[in-house]
Amino acid sequence: MKCKNCNATMEIDPSKQEAVCPYCGAKELICDSDAVAVEKIKSSTFKEMEYAHMENQRRQQDHIEKEKERKAYINGAFSKFTIAFIFACLIAVFVSFSDKYILSGIIAITQTVLFAVSWLIGMQLLKHNKKSLYRALAVLGLILIIPFFASTQVKLPEKLNWPSSGLAKNLPDPPAKYGTITADNNDLFDVYFEKMTADDYRNYINDCKDKGFTIDPDESGSSYSAYNDDGFKLVIDYSDYNNEMAVSLDAPEEMTEFTWPETDLSKLIPQPKSNFGNINFEHDDSISIDIGKTSESDYAEYVQTCIDSGFNVDYKKSDKFYNADDSYGNHLSLSYKGNQIMNINLQVANSEAATDSDNTNTLDSSETTDSNTSDIERSSDIDSSSVTSELKDFLDSYEAFADEYIAFMQKYNESDDTLSMLSDYNNMLSRYADFSQKIDSYNTDEMSAADAAYFLEVTSRIDQKLINASLS
């Protein structure tokens, strides 16, 4: 086409349906014929339809491929593995926050989110271009297991709310701001202090001594116990490992004048001098009595009286503990609890021991006397003189408590009125926890050969007693 103004060749712009002169800028509208216009429309429409068809096929193919991937993920082990870890992490979140391990709880939440997002991507509920992303998120969640377990050693201290009434009034002011009160009733007060140093522990012992807890003291490197004038018993244990100090305060035991039981069982042992005390329980096969107004010399005298009466077989003895059988297998445990209180536990022989005893009784009197003499001379297969006195006293007192604990639990399980025994039950559990904590603090690898052997002998015997009691 020629420009009407300058006769130059014009340029055509198909998109605007016009021609433009490149020299003078003149424009001229181009009008197609109807046939040409129709053909252009048909051509354009065909191309659009073709493009739409191709795009639809591509989308269908992508959908088929993704559906195959989703089904493969659902049926695969990776999906089940991810779901299992989601639930495991949720449990870890609950436990961590419940036990005040805040850092581990936060890590567990992060793991939960990572595994959940990984699962959502694998299920194609969350769209993402990178197919391997769900695997990377799951691997990251697994890696966080390492800092999670490391953070379980970091516990958020709990601020202590010290009571203004009850047994706590008999104690000095709390030595720390953080801790947990595990028992607070008329008979027992238990508290754990956190963030305590060894100096804090020693200073608190001095504060307790100033409060009057100086009667029958028993002190070691990490433990202190004593009574005050009112009969309250204080026990303090310190752990260097976690910088915690456990304090337990028991109310005075209620005692009255009582009559010594006239039963076949009670007649097996001599009657103590004092008739002031408390019968903890009495059964056909066992009895437990606390005797008050009994000095240490009275206790030692009573021990000797029991030895003379025949309880001298396989005996274990310390200054405050005596444990022995008679020739019939009846078992006696005596302990001096402190504050002029002596505990007596007596259990009849079991059927197997009684059978053995009956067979033994066929021996003549001279052989029996020699046997008893031999038993007295051998208090243990281990030379007790070579065992550290502090360790021996503790282990002997632990065995005495185990006997008392087993007898009490038998009474508790057989009782129809366990509610009335709830206070004693809590006290027993608290004392059992204290002994267990002390036992766990010992390391036989750091003991002498004699100490380690005696430790294993006593603890194994106690474990066997507890197992037998649970099966009976």
Protein backbone atom coordinates (compact mmCIF):
# COMPACT_ATOMS: atom_id res chain seq x y z
CA MET A 1 0.00 0.00 0.00
CA LYS A 2 1.14 3.51 -0.84
CA CYS A 3 0.77 6.54 1.38
CA LYS A 4 -1.73 8.99 -0.08
CA ASN A 5 0.32 11.94 1.22
CA CYS A 6 3.89 11.03 0.29
CA ASN A 7 3.43 7.92 -1.84
CA ALA A 8 5.77 5.96 0.46
CA THR A 9 5.20 2.29 1.15
CA MET A 10 3.15 1.91 4.32
CA GLU A 11 3.72 -0.61 7.08
CA ILE A 12 0.84 -2.85 8.23
CA ASP A 13 0.06 -3.56 11.89
CA PRO A 14 -2.11 -6.72 11.83
CA SER A 15 -3.07 -6.43 15.49
CA LYS A 16 -4.65 -2.99 14.95
CA GLN A 17 -6.10 -3.63 11.47
CA GLU A 18 -4.33 -0.47 10.08
CA ALA A 19 -1.43 0.69 7.87
CA VAL A 20 1.08 3.36 9.04
CA CYS A 21 3.45 5.51 6.91
CA PRO A 22 6.96 5.34 8.38
CA TYR A 23 7.77 8.83 6.91
CA CYS A 24 4.84 11.09 7.49
CA GLY A 25 2.97 8.98 10.05
CA ALA A 26 -0.23 8.86 8.12
CA LYS A 27 -2.59 6.02 9.08
CA GLU A 28 -5.14 4.16 7.03
CA LEU A 29 -7.72 1.62 8.30
CA ILE A 30 -7.65 -1.80 6.60
CA CYS A 31 -10.99 -3.45 6.15
CA ASP A 32 -10.99 -7.18 5.43
CA SER A 33 -13.67 -8.71 3.41
CA ASP A 34 -16.24 -10.80 5.28
CA ALA A 35 -14.70 -14.03 4.00
CA VAL A 36 -11.24 -13.05 5.18
CA ALA A 37 -12.56 -11.98 8.59
CA VAL A 38 -14.39 -15.26 9.05
CA GLU A 39 -11.28 -17.24 8.16
CA LYS A 40 -9.19 -15.27 10.63
CA ILE A 41 -11.71 -15.92 13.37
CA LYS A 42 -11.83 -19.61 12.54
CA SER A 43 -8.05 -19.82 12.52
CA SER A 44 -7.76 -18.03 15.87
CA THR A 45 -10.50 -20.13 17.48
CA PHE A 46 -8.95 -23.38 16.26
CA LYS A 47 -5.59 -22.45 17.72
CA GLU A 48 -7.17 -21.57 21.07
CA MET A 49 -9.07 -24.84 21.14
CA GLU A 50 -5.93 -26.77 20.28
CA TYR A 51 -3.97 -25.04 23.00
CA ALA A 52 -6.78 -25.69 25.51
CA HIS A 53 -6.92 -29.36 24.53
CA MET A 54 -3.18 -29.76 24.91
CA GLU A 55 -3.25 -27.99 28.30
CA ASN A 56 -6.12 -30.21 29.47
CA GLN A 57 -4.22 -33.34 28.45
CA ARG A 58 -1.14 -32.10 30.32
CA ARG A 59 -3.18 -31.44 33.44
CA GLN A 60 -4.80 -34.86 33.28
CA GLN A 61 -1.42 -36.49 32.91
CA ASP A 62 -0.06 -34.52 35.88
CA HIS A 63 -3.08 -35.52 37.95
CA ILE A 64 -2.59 -39.20 37.09
CA GLU A 65 1.08 -39.02 38.00
CA LYS A 66 0.39 -37.25 41.31
CA GLU A 67 -2.37 -39.72 42.18
CA LYS A 68 0.07 -42.57 41.59
CA GLU A 69 2.64 -40.86 43.82
CA ARG A 70 0.02 -40.24 46.55
CA LYS A 71 -1.14 -43.87 46.56
CA ALA A 72 2.45 -45.08 46.63
CA TYR A 73 3.12 -42.77 49.60
CA ILE A 74 0.01 -43.97 51.47
CA ASN A 75 0.90 -47.62 51.00
CA GLY A 76 4.59 -47.09 51.68
CA ALA A 77 6.44 -47.51 54.97
CA PHE A 78 7.53 -43.87 55.00
CA SER A 79 3.95 -42.65 55.53
CA LYS A 80 3.38 -45.06 58.44
CA PHE A 81 6.73 -44.10 59.92
CA THR A 82 5.82 -40.40 59.76
CA ILE A 83 2.41 -40.93 61.39
CA ALA A 84 4.01 -42.97 64.20
CA PHE A 85 6.48 -40.18 64.91
CA ILE A 86 3.73 -37.56 64.93
CA PHE A 87 1.97 -39.38 67.77
CA ALA A 88 5.26 -40.10 69.56
CA CYS A 89 6.18 -36.42 69.44
CA LEU A 90 2.75 -35.40 70.72
CA ILE A 91 3.23 -37.68 73.72
CA ALA A 92 6.71 -36.22 74.23
CA VAL A 93 5.22 -32.72 74.21
CA PHE A 94 2.70 -33.63 76.92
CA VAL A 95 5.25 -35.44 79.12
CA SER A 96 7.89 -32.73 78.76
CA PHE A 97 5.63 -29.87 79.74
CA SER A 98 4.04 -31.90 82.53
CA ASP A 99 7.48 -32.56 84.03
CA LYS A 100 8.59 -28.93 83.54
CA TYR A 101 11.13 -29.77 80.80
CA ILE A 102 10.23 -26.71 78.77
CA LEU A 103 13.12 -26.81 76.29
CA SER A 104 12.50 -30.46 75.39
CA GLY A 105 8.79 -29.65 75.07
CA ILE A 106 9.54 -26.90 72.54
CA ILE A 107 11.79 -29.24 70.56
CA ALA A 108 9.06 -31.90 70.61
CA ILE A 109 6.55 -29.35 69.26
CA THR A 110 8.97 -28.49 66.45
CA GLN A 111 9.36 -32.18 65.63
CA THR A 112 5.58 -32.62 65.60
CA VAL A 113 5.18 -29.76 63.13
CA LEU A 114 7.97 -31.07 60.88
CA PHE A 115 6.54 -34.58 60.74
CA ALA A 116 2.98 -33.26 60.25
CA VAL A 117 4.00 -30.96 57.36
CA SER A 118 6.04 -33.80 55.85
CA TRP A 119 2.96 -36.04 55.94
CA LEU A 120 0.68 -33.36 54.47
CA ILE A 121 3.11 -32.78 51.60
CA GLY A 122 3.47 -36.52 51.03
CA MET A 123 -0.33 -36.81 50.93
CA GLN A 124 -0.36 -33.83 48.50
CA LEU A 125 -2.65 -31.90 50.82
CA LEU A 126 -0.01 -29.18 50.82
CA LYS A 127 1.22 -28.27 47.32
CA HIS A 128 4.93 -27.95 46.74
CA ASN A 129 7.11 -28.15 43.63
CA LYS A 130 9.95 -30.05 45.31
CA LYS A 131 8.92 -33.69 45.54
CA SER A 132 11.70 -34.63 47.99
CA LEU A 133 10.81 -31.88 50.49
CA TYR A 134 8.66 -34.18 52.67
CA ARG A 135 11.61 -36.53 53.09
CA ALA A 136 13.92 -33.68 54.05
CA LEU A 137 11.44 -32.43 56.69
CA ALA A 138 11.12 -35.93 58.20
CA VAL A 139 14.90 -36.34 58.32
CA LEU A 140 15.20 -32.97 60.07
CA GLY A 141 12.63 -34.13 62.63
CA LEU A 142 14.70 -37.24 63.29
CA ILE A 143 17.87 -35.21 63.75
CA LEU A 144 16.13 -33.17 66.47
CA ILE A 145 15.86 -36.34 68.58
CA ILE A 146 19.46 -35.74 69.69
CA PRO A 147 18.89 -32.25 71.17
CA PHE A 148 15.52 -33.44 72.54
CA PHE A 149 17.12 -36.08 74.77
CA ALA A 150 19.94 -33.73 75.68
CA SER A 151 17.42 -31.10 76.78
CA THR A 152 15.65 -33.54 79.12
CA GLN A 153 18.45 -32.75 81.54
CA VAL A 154 17.30 -29.13 81.65
CA LYS A 155 14.23 -28.82 83.84
CA LEU A 156 12.41 -25.58 84.49
CA PRO A 157 12.55 -24.91 88.22
CA GLU A 158 9.18 -24.73 89.94
CA LYS A 159 8.68 -21.80 92.29
CA LEU A 160 8.00 -23.00 95.81
CA ASN A 161 4.85 -21.92 97.64
CA TRP A 162 5.86 -22.45 101.28
CA PRO A 163 2.88 -23.19 103.56
CA SER A 164 2.19 -20.92 106.51
CA SER A 165 0.55 -23.67 108.59
CA GLY A 166 0.89 -27.37 109.32
CA LEU A 167 4.11 -29.25 110.00
CA ALA A 168 6.14 -26.77 107.92
CA LYS A 169 5.96 -24.32 110.83
CA ASN A 170 8.41 -26.54 112.72
CA LEU A 171 11.08 -26.08 110.04
CA PRO A 172 13.35 -23.10 109.33
CA ASP A 173 12.49 -20.77 106.46
CA PRO A 174 12.96 -22.46 103.08
CA PRO A 175 16.55 -22.20 101.83
CA ALA A 176 15.55 -21.90 98.16
CA LYS A 177 12.86 -20.28 96.03
CA TYR A 178 12.36 -23.33 93.85
CA GLY A 179 11.11 -26.76 94.82
CA THR A 180 8.16 -29.14 95.06
CA ILE A 181 6.10 -30.12 98.07
CA THR A 182 5.19 -33.80 97.68
CA ALA A 183 3.34 -34.32 100.97
CA ASP A 184 1.71 -31.93 103.44
CA ASN A 185 -0.64 -33.45 105.99
CA ASN A 186 -0.97 -33.91 109.74
CA ASP A 187 1.58 -36.74 109.83
CA LEU A 188 4.12 -35.96 107.12
CA PHE A 189 5.69 -33.03 105.31
CA ASP A 190 7.95 -33.72 102.32
CA VAL A 191 9.64 -31.16 100.10
CA TYR A 192 12.34 -31.16 97.41
CA PHE A 193 14.46 -28.04 97.02
CA GLU A 194 16.11 -27.33 93.67
CA LYS A 195 19.25 -25.41 92.74
CA MET A 196 20.94 -26.25 96.05
CA THR A 197 24.69 -26.22 96.59
CA ALA A 198 26.61 -28.25 99.15
CA ASP A 199 27.07 -25.08 101.21
CA ASP A 200 23.30 -24.46 101.12
CA TYR A 201 22.79 -28.02 102.40
CA ARG A 202 25.20 -27.57 105.31
CA ASN A 203 23.79 -24.18 106.20
CA TYR A 204 20.26 -25.59 106.29
CA ILE A 205 21.39 -28.37 108.64
CA ASN A 206 22.76 -25.70 110.98
CA ASP A 207 19.44 -23.82 110.76
CA CYS A 208 17.60 -27.03 111.68
CA LYS A 209 19.93 -27.60 114.61
CA ASP A 210 19.16 -24.08 115.80
CA LYS A 211 15.48 -25.06 115.59
CA GLY A 212 16.14 -27.89 118.05
CA PHE A 213 16.65 -30.92 115.79
CA THR A 214 19.60 -32.26 117.75
CA ILE A 215 18.23 -35.38 119.52
CA ASP A 216 19.71 -38.70 118.33
CA PRO A 217 21.41 -37.11 115.33
CA ASP A 218 22.70 -39.27 112.49
CA GLU A 219 24.87 -37.37 110.03
CA SER A 220 26.84 -38.43 106.97
CA GLY A 221 28.28 -36.59 104.01
CA SER A 222 24.92 -36.29 102.24
CA SER A 223 22.33 -37.06 104.90
CA TYR A 224 21.19 -35.79 108.29
CA SER A 225 18.44 -37.00 110.60
CA ALA A 226 17.44 -36.01 114.13
CA TYR A 227 14.51 -35.45 116.48
CA ASN A 228 13.47 -32.34 118.38
CA ASP A 229 12.08 -32.10 121.92
CA ASP A 230 8.51 -32.47 120.65
CA GLY A 231 9.28 -35.78 118.94
CA PHE A 232 9.29 -34.55 115.34
CA LYS A 233 11.71 -36.49 113.16
CA LEU A 234 13.68 -34.64 110.49
CA VAL A 235 15.47 -36.31 107.57
CA ILE A 236 17.55 -34.32 105.07
CA ASP A 237 19.18 -35.82 101.98
CA TYR A 238 21.34 -33.95 99.48
CA SER A 239 22.27 -34.98 95.94
CA ASP A 240 25.35 -33.49 94.30
CA TYR A 241 24.29 -35.01 90.97
CA ASN A 242 21.18 -32.88 90.45
CA ASN A 243 21.70 -30.23 93.14
CA GLU A 244 18.51 -31.21 94.97
CA MET A 245 17.83 -31.48 98.68
CA ALA A 246 14.99 -33.61 100.07
CA VAL A 247 13.55 -32.68 103.45
CA SER A 248 11.09 -34.92 105.31
CA LEU A 249 9.43 -34.15 108.63
CA ASP A 250 7.41 -36.81 110.48
CA ALA A 251 4.98 -35.90 113.24
CA PRO A 252 5.52 -37.55 116.64
CA GLU A 253 4.16 -41.05 116.85
CA GLU A 254 1.10 -41.34 119.08
CA MET A 255 1.80 -43.77 121.91
CA THR A 256 -0.12 -44.92 124.98
CA GLU A 257 0.13 -47.48 127.73
CA PHE A 258 -0.75 -50.88 126.29
CA THR A 259 -0.93 -54.53 127.31
CA TRP A 260 1.54 -56.93 125.76
CA PRO A 261 -0.38 -59.29 123.44
CA GLU A 262 -1.06 -62.76 124.79
CA THR A 263 -0.76 -64.69 121.54
CA ASP A 264 1.33 -67.67 120.43
CA LEU A 265 3.30 -65.34 118.18
CA SER A 266 4.06 -62.69 120.81
CA LYS A 267 5.12 -65.40 123.29
CA LEU A 268 8.04 -66.27 120.99
CA ILE A 269 9.92 -63.17 122.16
CA PRO A 270 10.50 -61.60 125.59
CA GLN A 271 8.28 -58.76 126.78
CA PRO A 272 10.10 -55.39 126.82
CA LYS A 273 10.50 -53.37 130.01
CA SER A 274 8.29 -50.54 128.74
CA ASN A 275 4.59 -50.99 128.13
CA PHE A 276 4.32 -47.56 126.51
CA GLY A 277 4.02 -47.67 122.76
CA ASN A 278 1.85 -48.55 119.80
CA ILE A 279 0.90 -51.84 118.12
CA ASN A 280 1.21 -51.05 114.43
CA PHE A 281 -0.50 -54.28 113.38
CA GLU A 282 -1.06 -57.80 114.64
CA HIS A 283 -1.83 -60.90 112.55
CA ASP A 284 -1.64 -64.63 113.05
CA ASP A 285 1.67 -64.73 111.20
CA SER A 286 3.19 -61.31 111.91
CA ILE A 287 3.24 -58.47 114.41
CA SER A 288 4.81 -54.99 114.50
CA ILE A 289 5.13 -52.89 117.66
CA ASP A 290 6.80 -49.58 118.42
CA ILE A 291 7.99 -49.37 122.05
CA GLY A 292 8.52 -45.91 123.57
CA LYS A 293 10.46 -44.81 126.64
CA THR A 294 13.27 -47.13 125.62
CA SER A 295 16.82 -45.80 125.84
CA GLU A 296 19.65 -47.10 123.70
CA SER A 297 20.92 -49.13 126.64
CA ASP A 298 17.42 -50.58 127.13
CA TYR A 299 17.38 -51.48 123.46
CA ALA A 300 20.78 -53.18 123.64
CA GLU A 301 19.64 -55.12 126.69
CA TYR A 302 16.48 -56.27 124.93
CA VAL A 303 18.50 -57.41 121.91
CA GLN A 304 20.63 -59.57 124.17
CA THR A 305 17.51 -60.99 125.82
CA CYS A 306 16.16 -61.99 122.38
CA ILE A 307 19.49 -63.60 121.50
CA ASP A 308 19.37 -65.59 124.72
CA SER A 309 15.80 -66.67 123.93
CA GLY A 310 16.93 -68.34 120.70
CA PHE A 311 16.88 -65.65 117.98
CA ASN A 312 20.51 -66.10 117.06
CA VAL A 313 20.46 -67.85 113.67
CA ASP A 314 21.86 -66.02 110.61
CA TYR A 315 21.88 -62.79 112.56
CA LYS A 316 22.87 -59.30 111.38
CA LYS A 317 23.72 -56.79 114.04
CA SER A 318 24.73 -53.15 114.37
CA ASP A 319 24.37 -50.53 117.08
CA LYS A 320 20.80 -49.73 116.05
CA PHE A 321 19.68 -52.85 114.22
CA TYR A 322 19.32 -56.57 114.87
CA ASN A 323 17.95 -59.16 112.45
CA ALA A 324 17.85 -62.91 113.15
CA ASP A 325 15.89 -66.17 112.94
CA ASP A 326 15.29 -68.79 115.56
CA SER A 327 15.90 -72.50 114.99
CA TYR A 328 12.35 -72.85 113.60
CA GLY A 329 12.82 -70.17 110.98
CA ASN A 330 10.76 -67.46 112.71
CA HIS A 331 12.19 -64.08 111.78
CA LEU A 332 12.77 -61.17 114.19
CA SER A 333 13.81 -57.62 113.29
CA LEU A 334 14.67 -55.07 115.97
CA SER A 335 15.70 -51.48 115.38
CA TYR A 336 16.33 -48.41 117.48
CA LYS A 337 14.48 -45.65 115.62
CA GLY A 338 15.69 -42.85 117.88
CA ASN A 339 13.99 -40.57 120.41
CA GLN A 340 13.71 -43.55 122.78
CA ILE A 341 11.62 -45.60 120.33
CA MET A 342 12.33 -49.26 119.54
CA ASN A 343 10.62 -51.14 116.73
CA ILE A 344 9.84 -54.86 116.90
CA ASN A 345 8.85 -56.91 113.83
CA LEU A 346 8.21 -60.63 114.13
CA GLN A 347 7.15 -63.03 111.36
CA VAL A 348 6.48 -66.74 111.59
CA ALA A 349 8.40 -69.17 109.44
CA ASN A 350 6.99 -70.13 106.06
CA SER A 351 6.00 -73.73 105.38
CA GLU A 352 9.27 -74.60 103.66
CA ALA A 353 11.34 -73.18 106.50
CA ALA A 354 9.13 -74.94 109.06
CA THR A 355 9.66 -78.28 107.27
CA ASP A 356 13.41 -77.77 107.26
CA SER A 357 13.24 -76.84 110.94
CA ASP A 358 11.28 -79.99 111.80
CA ASN A 359 13.94 -82.07 110.10
CA THR A 360 16.63 -80.23 112.01
CA ASN A 361 14.88 -80.92 115.31
CA THR A 362 15.62 -84.64 114.89
CA LEU A 363 19.22 -83.87 115.84
CA ASP A 364 20.25 -84.49 119.40
CA SER A 365 20.54 -81.58 121.80
CA SER A 366 24.33 -81.46 121.64
CA GLU A 367 24.29 -81.12 117.84
CA THR A 368 21.64 -78.38 118.07
CA THR A 369 23.68 -76.49 120.62
CA ASP A 370 26.77 -76.73 118.43
CA SER A 371 24.74 -75.52 115.45
CA ASN A 372 23.43 -72.50 117.35
CA THR A 373 26.90 -71.69 118.59
CA SER A 374 28.19 -71.90 115.03
CA ASP A 375 25.45 -69.56 113.84
CA ILE A 376 26.32 -67.00 116.49
CA GLU A 377 29.95 -67.05 115.52
CA ARG A 378 29.20 -66.52 111.83
CA SER A 379 27.02 -63.43 111.55
CA SER A 380 27.62 -63.46 107.80
CA ASP A 381 29.71 -65.08 105.14
CA ILE A 382 31.35 -61.69 104.86
CA ASP A 383 33.63 -60.38 107.57
CA SER A 384 31.46 -57.52 108.85
CA SER A 385 34.43 -55.91 110.60
CA SER A 386 35.89 -55.07 107.19
CA VAL A 387 32.68 -53.35 106.03
CA THR A 388 32.48 -49.57 106.47
CA SER A 389 30.42 -48.94 109.59
CA GLU A 390 28.37 -46.16 107.97
CA LEU A 391 27.44 -48.39 105.02
CA LYS A 392 26.67 -51.35 107.28
CA ASP A 393 24.40 -49.29 109.55
CA PHE A 394 22.50 -47.95 106.56
CA LEU A 395 22.06 -51.35 104.89
CA ASP A 396 20.95 -52.96 108.15
CA SER A 397 18.44 -50.19 108.77
CA TYR A 398 17.25 -50.59 105.17
CA GLU A 399 16.62 -54.30 105.69
CA ALA A 400 14.79 -53.59 108.94
CA PHE A 401 12.57 -51.12 107.13
CA ALA A 402 11.97 -53.62 104.31
CA ASP A 403 10.66 -56.12 106.84
CA GLU A 404 8.45 -53.44 108.37
CA TYR A 405 7.28 -52.32 104.92
CA ILE A 406 6.36 -55.85 103.80
CA ALA A 407 4.45 -56.52 107.00
CA PHE A 408 2.56 -53.25 106.71
CA MET A 409 1.65 -53.80 103.06
CA GLN A 410 0.30 -57.24 103.92
CA LYS A 411 -1.89 -55.66 106.58
CA TYR A 412 -2.92 -52.88 104.19
CA ASN A 413 -3.90 -55.29 101.42
CA GLU A 414 -5.96 -57.39 103.81
CA SER A 415 -7.67 -54.47 105.53
CA ASP A 416 -11.30 -53.53 104.91
CA ASP A 417 -10.66 -49.97 106.08
CA THR A 418 -7.67 -48.76 104.06
CA LEU A 419 -8.83 -45.16 104.41
CA SER A 420 -7.90 -45.12 108.09
CA MET A 421 -4.43 -46.41 107.13
CA LEU A 422 -3.86 -43.80 104.43
CA SER A 423 -1.57 -41.65 106.56
CA ASP A 424 0.62 -44.63 107.52
CA TYR A 425 0.55 -45.76 103.90
CA ASN A 426 1.86 -42.38 102.68
CA ASN A 427 4.51 -42.43 105.40
CA MET A 428 5.65 -45.89 104.33
CA LEU A 429 5.86 -44.84 100.67
CA SER A 430 7.82 -41.73 101.61
CA ARG A 431 10.30 -43.73 103.68
CA TYR A 432 10.57 -46.32 100.90
CA ALA A 433 11.31 -43.54 98.38
CA ASP A 434 13.98 -42.10 100.70
CA PHE A 435 15.70 -45.48 101.05
CA SER A 436 15.48 -46.10 97.30
CA GLN A 437 17.04 -42.72 96.58
CA LYS A 438 19.91 -43.43 98.98
CA ILE A 439 20.45 -46.91 97.50
CA ASP A 440 20.65 -45.43 93.99
CA SER A 441 23.27 -42.93 95.16
CA TYR A 442 25.74 -45.74 96.00
CA ASN A 443 28.17 -46.94 93.34
CA THR A 444 29.65 -50.39 93.95
CA ASP A 445 32.47 -49.63 91.51
CA GLU A 446 33.76 -47.05 93.99
CA MET A 447 33.47 -49.36 97.05
CA SER A 448 35.98 -51.68 98.61
CA ALA A 449 35.56 -55.38 97.87
CA ALA A 450 34.04 -56.02 101.31
CA ASP A 451 31.65 -53.06 101.06
CA ALA A 452 30.53 -54.03 97.55
CA ALA A 453 29.99 -57.67 98.54
CA TYR A 454 27.97 -56.73 101.63
CA PHE A 455 25.98 -54.17 99.63
CA LEU A 456 25.06 -56.76 96.99
CA GLU A 457 24.27 -59.40 99.62
CA VAL A 458 21.84 -57.20 101.56
CA THR A 459 20.15 -55.55 98.57
CA SER A 460 19.71 -58.92 96.82
CA ARG A 461 18.18 -60.38 99.96
CA ILE A 462 15.80 -57.42 100.27
CA ASP A 463 14.83 -57.66 96.60
CA GLN A 464 14.04 -61.34 97.07
CA LYS A 465 11.91 -60.55 100.12
CA LEU A 466 9.94 -57.97 98.13
CA ILE A 467 9.47 -60.42 95.25
CA ASN A 468 8.27 -63.16 97.60
CA ALA A 469 5.89 -60.74 99.29
CA SER A 470 4.42 -59.65 95.96
CA LEU A 471 3.83 -63.28 94.94
CA SER A 472 2.25 -64.32 98.23
